[in-house]
Protein backbone atom coordinates (compact mmCIF):
# COMPACT_ATOMS: atom_id res chain seq x y z
CA MET A 1 0.00 0.00 0.00
CA ILE A 2 2.81 2.39 0.92
CA VAL A 3 4.57 1.60 -2.37
CA LEU A 4 1.36 2.41 -4.25
CA ILE A 5 1.01 5.71 -2.36
CA TYR A 6 4.59 6.68 -3.27
CA LEU A 7 4.01 5.77 -6.92
CA MET A 8 0.82 7.82 -7.08
CA ALA A 9 2.46 10.73 -5.24
CA GLY A 10 5.40 10.57 -7.64
CA GLY A 11 2.99 10.70 -10.55
CA PHE A 12 1.25 13.69 -8.96
CA GLN A 13 4.57 15.43 -8.41
CA GLY A 14 5.64 14.76 -12.00
CA ALA A 15 2.36 16.07 -13.41
CA ALA A 16 2.48 19.14 -11.15
CA ALA A 17 6.09 19.86 -12.19
CA ALA A 18 5.21 19.49 -15.89
CA MET A 19 2.43 22.07 -15.47
CA GLY A 20 4.77 24.46 -13.67
CA GLY A 21 3.07 23.78 -10.35
CA LYS A 22 6.31 23.19 -8.46
CA ASP A 23 7.83 26.53 -9.48
CA SER A 24 4.51 28.29 -8.85
CA VAL A 25 4.28 26.94 -5.29
CA VAL A 26 7.93 27.85 -4.62
CA ASN A 27 7.54 31.39 -5.94
CA LEU A 28 4.26 31.84 -4.05
CA CYS A 29 5.84 30.73 -0.79
CA LEU A 30 8.95 32.88 -1.25
CA HIS A 31 6.71 35.86 -1.94
CA PHE A 32 4.66 35.53 1.25
CA ILE A 33 7.00 33.76 3.71
CA PRO A 34 9.79 35.85 5.28
CA VAL A 35 13.15 34.08 5.55
CA LYS A 36 13.06 34.02 9.34
CA LEU A 37 9.82 31.97 9.10
CA LEU A 38 11.09 29.66 6.37
CA VAL A 39 11.01 26.49 8.49
CA PRO A 40 7.44 26.94 9.84
CA GLY A 41 6.48 28.19 6.37
CA VAL A 42 7.56 24.90 4.77
CA PHE A 43 5.53 23.11 7.45
CA LEU A 44 2.44 25.10 6.46
CA MET A 45 3.12 24.24 2.82
CA CYS A 46 3.17 20.55 3.79
CA CYS A 47 -0.17 20.99 5.59
CA PHE A 48 -1.65 22.57 2.46
CA ILE A 49 -0.38 19.81 0.15
CA SER A 50 -1.37 17.05 2.61
CA THR A 51 -4.92 18.40 2.80
CA SER A 52 -5.07 18.66 -0.99
CA ILE A 53 -3.96 15.11 -1.81
CA GLY A 54 -5.19 13.38 1.37
CA THR A 55 -2.04 11.48 2.34
CA SER A 56 0.90 12.34 4.60
CA MET A 57 3.21 9.81 2.94
CA GLY A 58 2.37 11.26 -0.44
CA THR A 59 3.12 14.73 0.93
CA ILE A 60 6.66 13.63 1.80
CA ALA A 61 7.26 12.42 -1.75
CA ALA A 62 5.63 15.47 -3.31
CA MET A 63 7.19 18.09 -1.02
CA ALA A 64 10.82 16.93 -1.06
CA PRO A 65 11.71 18.64 -4.39
CA ILE A 66 9.61 21.71 -3.48
CA ALA A 67 11.34 22.13 -0.10
CA ILE A 68 14.75 21.82 -1.79
CA ASN A 69 13.78 24.48 -4.35
CA VAL A 70 12.52 26.79 -1.59
CA ALA A 71 15.83 26.42 0.28
CA GLN A 72 17.78 27.12 -2.91
CA GLY A 73 15.62 30.11 -3.86
CA ALA A 74 15.61 31.86 -0.47
CA HIS A 75 18.68 34.05 -0.81
CA LEU A 76 19.81 36.33 2.00
CA ASN A 77 21.58 39.56 1.01
CA VAL A 78 24.26 40.98 3.30
CA ALA A 79 25.95 44.34 2.74
CA VAL A 80 29.45 44.54 4.24
CA VAL A 81 30.64 48.13 4.40
CA GLY A 82 34.27 48.83 5.26
CA ALA A 83 35.99 45.46 4.94
CA SER A 84 39.29 45.39 3.06
CA ARG A 85 39.92 44.25 -0.47
CA ARG A 86 41.91 41.38 1.01
CA PHE A 87 38.72 40.16 2.70
CA LEU A 88 37.02 40.49 -0.69
CA ALA A 89 39.66 38.28 -2.31
CA GLN A 90 39.23 35.60 0.38
CA ILE A 91 35.44 35.48 0.68
CA THR A 92 34.80 35.39 -3.07
CA ARG A 93 36.40 31.93 -3.20
CA HIS A 94 32.94 30.68 -2.20
CA GLN A 95 31.14 30.25 -5.52
CA ASN A 96 28.42 27.61 -5.02
CA GLU A 97 25.02 29.32 -4.68
CA VAL A 98 26.74 32.59 -3.70
CA LYS A 99 26.80 35.87 -5.60
CA PHE A 100 28.98 38.92 -4.98
CA MET A 101 28.79 42.56 -5.99
CA SER A 102 31.51 45.01 -4.99
CA ALA A 103 32.57 48.57 -5.65
CA SER A 104 34.64 48.79 -8.82
CA LEU A 105 38.20 50.09 -9.01
CA GLN A 106 37.68 50.62 -12.71
CA TYR A 107 34.71 52.97 -12.46
CA SER A 108 35.23 54.49 -9.00
CA ASP A 109 37.73 57.17 -8.03
CA TYR A 110 39.17 56.77 -4.53
CA SER A 111 41.57 59.71 -4.80
CA ASP A 112 39.99 61.73 -1.98
CA GLU A 113 37.92 59.08 -0.22
CA ALA A 114 40.38 56.32 0.68
CA ASP A 115 40.22 54.67 4.08
CA PHE A 116 42.09 51.61 5.30
CA VAL A 117 41.49 48.58 7.48
CA VAL A 118 44.15 48.31 10.17
CA PRO A 119 44.98 44.62 10.79
CA TYR A 120 43.93 43.56 14.27
CA GLU A 121 47.47 42.49 15.10
CA LEU A 122 48.69 46.07 14.48
CA LEU A 123 46.05 47.97 16.47
CA ASN A 124 48.32 48.29 19.51
CA SER A 125 51.61 47.88 17.65
CA SER A 126 54.34 50.44 17.13
CA LEU A 127 54.17 49.44 13.44
CA LYS A 128 50.61 50.75 13.05
CA ASP A 129 51.75 54.22 11.93
CA SER A 130 54.21 52.71 9.45
CA TYR A 131 51.41 50.57 7.99
CA ILE A 132 49.07 53.53 7.57
CA LEU A 133 51.87 55.61 6.04
CA SER A 134 52.58 52.91 3.45
CA CYS A 135 48.88 52.81 2.52
CA GLU A 136 48.75 56.59 2.18
CA GLU A 137 51.87 56.59 0.00
CA ALA A 138 50.28 53.96 -2.25
CA MET A 139 47.16 56.09 -2.56
CA GLU A 140 49.29 59.10 -3.52
CA ARG A 141 50.61 57.03 -6.44
CA TYR A 142 47.01 56.01 -7.14
CA LYS A 143 45.92 59.66 -7.27
CA GLN A 144 48.65 60.49 -9.78
CA LEU A 145 47.70 57.58 -12.03
CA ALA A 146 43.95 58.12 -11.65
CA SER A 147 44.28 61.48 -13.37
CA ALA A 148 45.04 59.47 -16.51
CA ASP A 149 43.08 56.22 -16.02
CA ASN A 150 41.18 54.78 -13.02
CA ASP A 151 41.67 51.19 -14.12
CA SER A 152 45.46 51.51 -14.32
CA ALA A 153 45.55 53.32 -10.98
CA GLY A 154 43.68 50.43 -9.33
CA TYR A 155 46.76 48.22 -9.65
CA VAL A 156 48.64 50.18 -6.98
CA THR A 157 45.86 50.30 -4.37
CA PRO A 158 46.76 48.60 -1.08
CA GLN A 159 45.03 45.41 0.07
CA GLY A 160 43.83 47.29 3.15
CA LEU A 161 41.66 49.70 1.13
CA ARG A 162 38.12 49.61 2.49
CA ASN A 163 35.43 48.33 0.17
CA ILE A 164 31.66 47.88 -0.14
CA LEU A 165 30.56 44.31 -0.78
CA ILE A 166 27.11 42.76 -1.18
CA ILE A 167 26.90 38.99 -0.66
CA SER A 168 23.82 37.01 -1.71
CA ALA A 169 23.64 33.36 -0.65
CA THR A 170 21.21 30.64 0.36
CA PRO A 171 20.83 29.84 4.08
CA TYR A 172 22.73 26.57 3.52
CA GLN A 173 25.68 28.39 1.99
CA TRP A 174 25.68 31.00 4.74
CA LYS A 175 25.91 28.19 7.30
CA HIS A 176 28.77 26.67 5.30
CA MET A 177 30.67 29.97 5.02
CA ILE A 178 30.19 30.70 8.71
CA GLY A 179 31.33 27.20 9.61
CA GLN A 180 34.53 27.65 7.60
CA ARG A 181 35.32 31.32 8.12
CA ILE A 182 34.94 31.77 11.87
CA CYS A 183 37.50 28.99 12.35
CA ARG A 184 40.69 30.20 14.04
CA ARG A 185 42.72 29.21 10.96
CA ASN A 186 41.37 32.26 9.10
CA THR A 187 42.70 35.81 9.14
CA ALA A 188 41.50 38.02 11.98
CA GLU A 189 39.51 40.31 9.71
CA THR A 190 37.72 37.45 7.94
CA ARG A 191 36.80 35.86 11.26
CA TYR A 192 35.58 39.11 12.77
CA VAL A 193 33.39 40.06 9.80
CA MET A 194 31.88 36.58 9.61
CA LEU A 195 31.22 36.53 13.36
CA LYS A 196 29.31 39.81 13.03
CA ILE A 197 27.32 38.41 10.09
CA TRP A 198 26.61 35.18 11.99
CA LYS A 199 25.30 37.20 14.95
CA GLU A 200 22.79 39.05 12.77
CA LEU A 201 21.72 35.94 10.85
CA TYR A 202 21.19 34.05 14.11
CA GLU A 203 19.01 36.85 15.42
CA LEU A 204 17.07 36.70 12.15
CA SER A 205 16.43 32.94 12.40
CA PRO A 206 17.87 30.93 15.34
CA GLU A 207 16.47 27.69 13.87
CA LEU A 208 18.41 28.10 10.62
CA PHE A 209 21.67 29.53 11.93
CA SER A 210 22.45 27.74 15.16
CA GLY A 211 25.74 25.88 15.32
CA GLY A 212 28.66 28.02 14.26
CA CYS A 213 32.09 26.64 13.40
CA PHE A 214 32.46 22.99 12.40
CA CYS A 215 34.46 22.24 15.56
CA MET A 216 31.53 23.54 17.64
CA THR A 217 29.07 21.03 16.20
CA GLY A 218 31.27 17.98 15.69
CA GLY A 219 34.86 17.44 14.67
CA CYS A 220 37.27 19.67 12.77
CA LYS A 221 37.16 19.02 9.02
CA GLU A 222 40.60 20.45 8.26
CA GLY A 223 42.58 17.31 9.05
CA LYS A 224 46.31 18.05 9.24
CA MET A 225 45.59 21.73 8.62
CA SER A 226 43.59 22.01 11.87
CA CYS A 227 44.45 24.98 14.08
CA GLY A 228 44.24 22.76 17.16
CA LYS A 229 42.28 25.46 19.02
CA PRO A 230 38.60 24.41 18.92
CA ILE A 231 35.88 26.89 19.86
CA SER A 232 33.67 25.83 22.76
CA ALA A 233 30.35 24.33 21.72
CA GLY A 234 27.46 26.70 22.39
CA ALA A 235 29.62 29.85 22.34
CA THR A 236 27.83 32.90 20.94
CA PRO A 237 29.39 35.32 18.41
CA ASP A 238 29.71 37.98 21.13
CA GLU A 239 31.50 35.54 23.45
CA ILE A 240 33.94 34.53 20.70
CA ILE A 241 34.62 38.19 19.83
CA LYS A 242 35.21 38.99 23.50
CA ALA A 243 37.65 36.09 23.84
CA ASP A 244 39.52 36.46 20.53
CA PHE A 245 39.15 40.20 19.80
CA PRO A 246 39.19 41.99 23.17
CA LEU A 247 40.23 45.28 21.53
CA LEU A 248 37.00 45.25 19.50
CA ALA A 249 34.68 43.81 22.14
CA GLY A 250 33.72 47.28 23.36
CA GLY A 251 31.66 48.00 20.26
CA PHE A 252 34.15 49.51 17.78
CA SER A 253 34.25 47.40 14.65
CA GLY A 254 35.14 49.38 11.55
CA TYR A 255 32.62 47.29 9.61
CA GLU A 256 28.89 47.54 9.17
CA ASN A 257 26.70 44.60 8.16
CA LYS A 258 23.20 45.11 6.84
CA ILE A 259 20.91 42.19 6.03
CA ASP A 260 17.68 42.03 4.07
């Protein structure tokens, strides 16, 4: 009997997909269900389908591809304002179900608007002034070249130049990026920005974004490349920032994250 139910439900799902029903249901749900209510929203979708076809087992077979499409279609957009171009180079290595849009060196002129990220390790260092001076000297060269061509001038900009970046990704990919990038193997800036993003995503939907780094929810996946310094399970982003970035724990960040 169960086999027959699955066969009939599969036929229903195939017919509904051929008529465009699957995409219609997905688009309808994404239009009315906010991301923070995605999990209970899928449950309500299951209730609707179950009532329509009269079988819970058939609902499982029919809803599996719809739920996957909903998860893939529900992108979260995060605007990161003030992170460095080095952060941009690192985070854009994530390409699966992730899209990026950043300010352009080719079409933008930073001659009189340049600002720089100071590496965390240099905040209290005697080398901080030397670092800032080297960035300013590079931007002086940039200004000279920009008078002829912005694109050519972009080649001399320092990696610490602040940037505006918009990241669009599915909840699954956000969880994956957070799991990888708050690990203590990453650069301080990458970890700090991703911790701030994780904090806001968790507040948006605790059900979707609980967990954190891979070592907090199981074992380290880096093998021989492991940092050997696991983060305590259950630690919040604020607790990790307080422990690993005490100079920034008072509220100063240098970055702003906005999520829609």
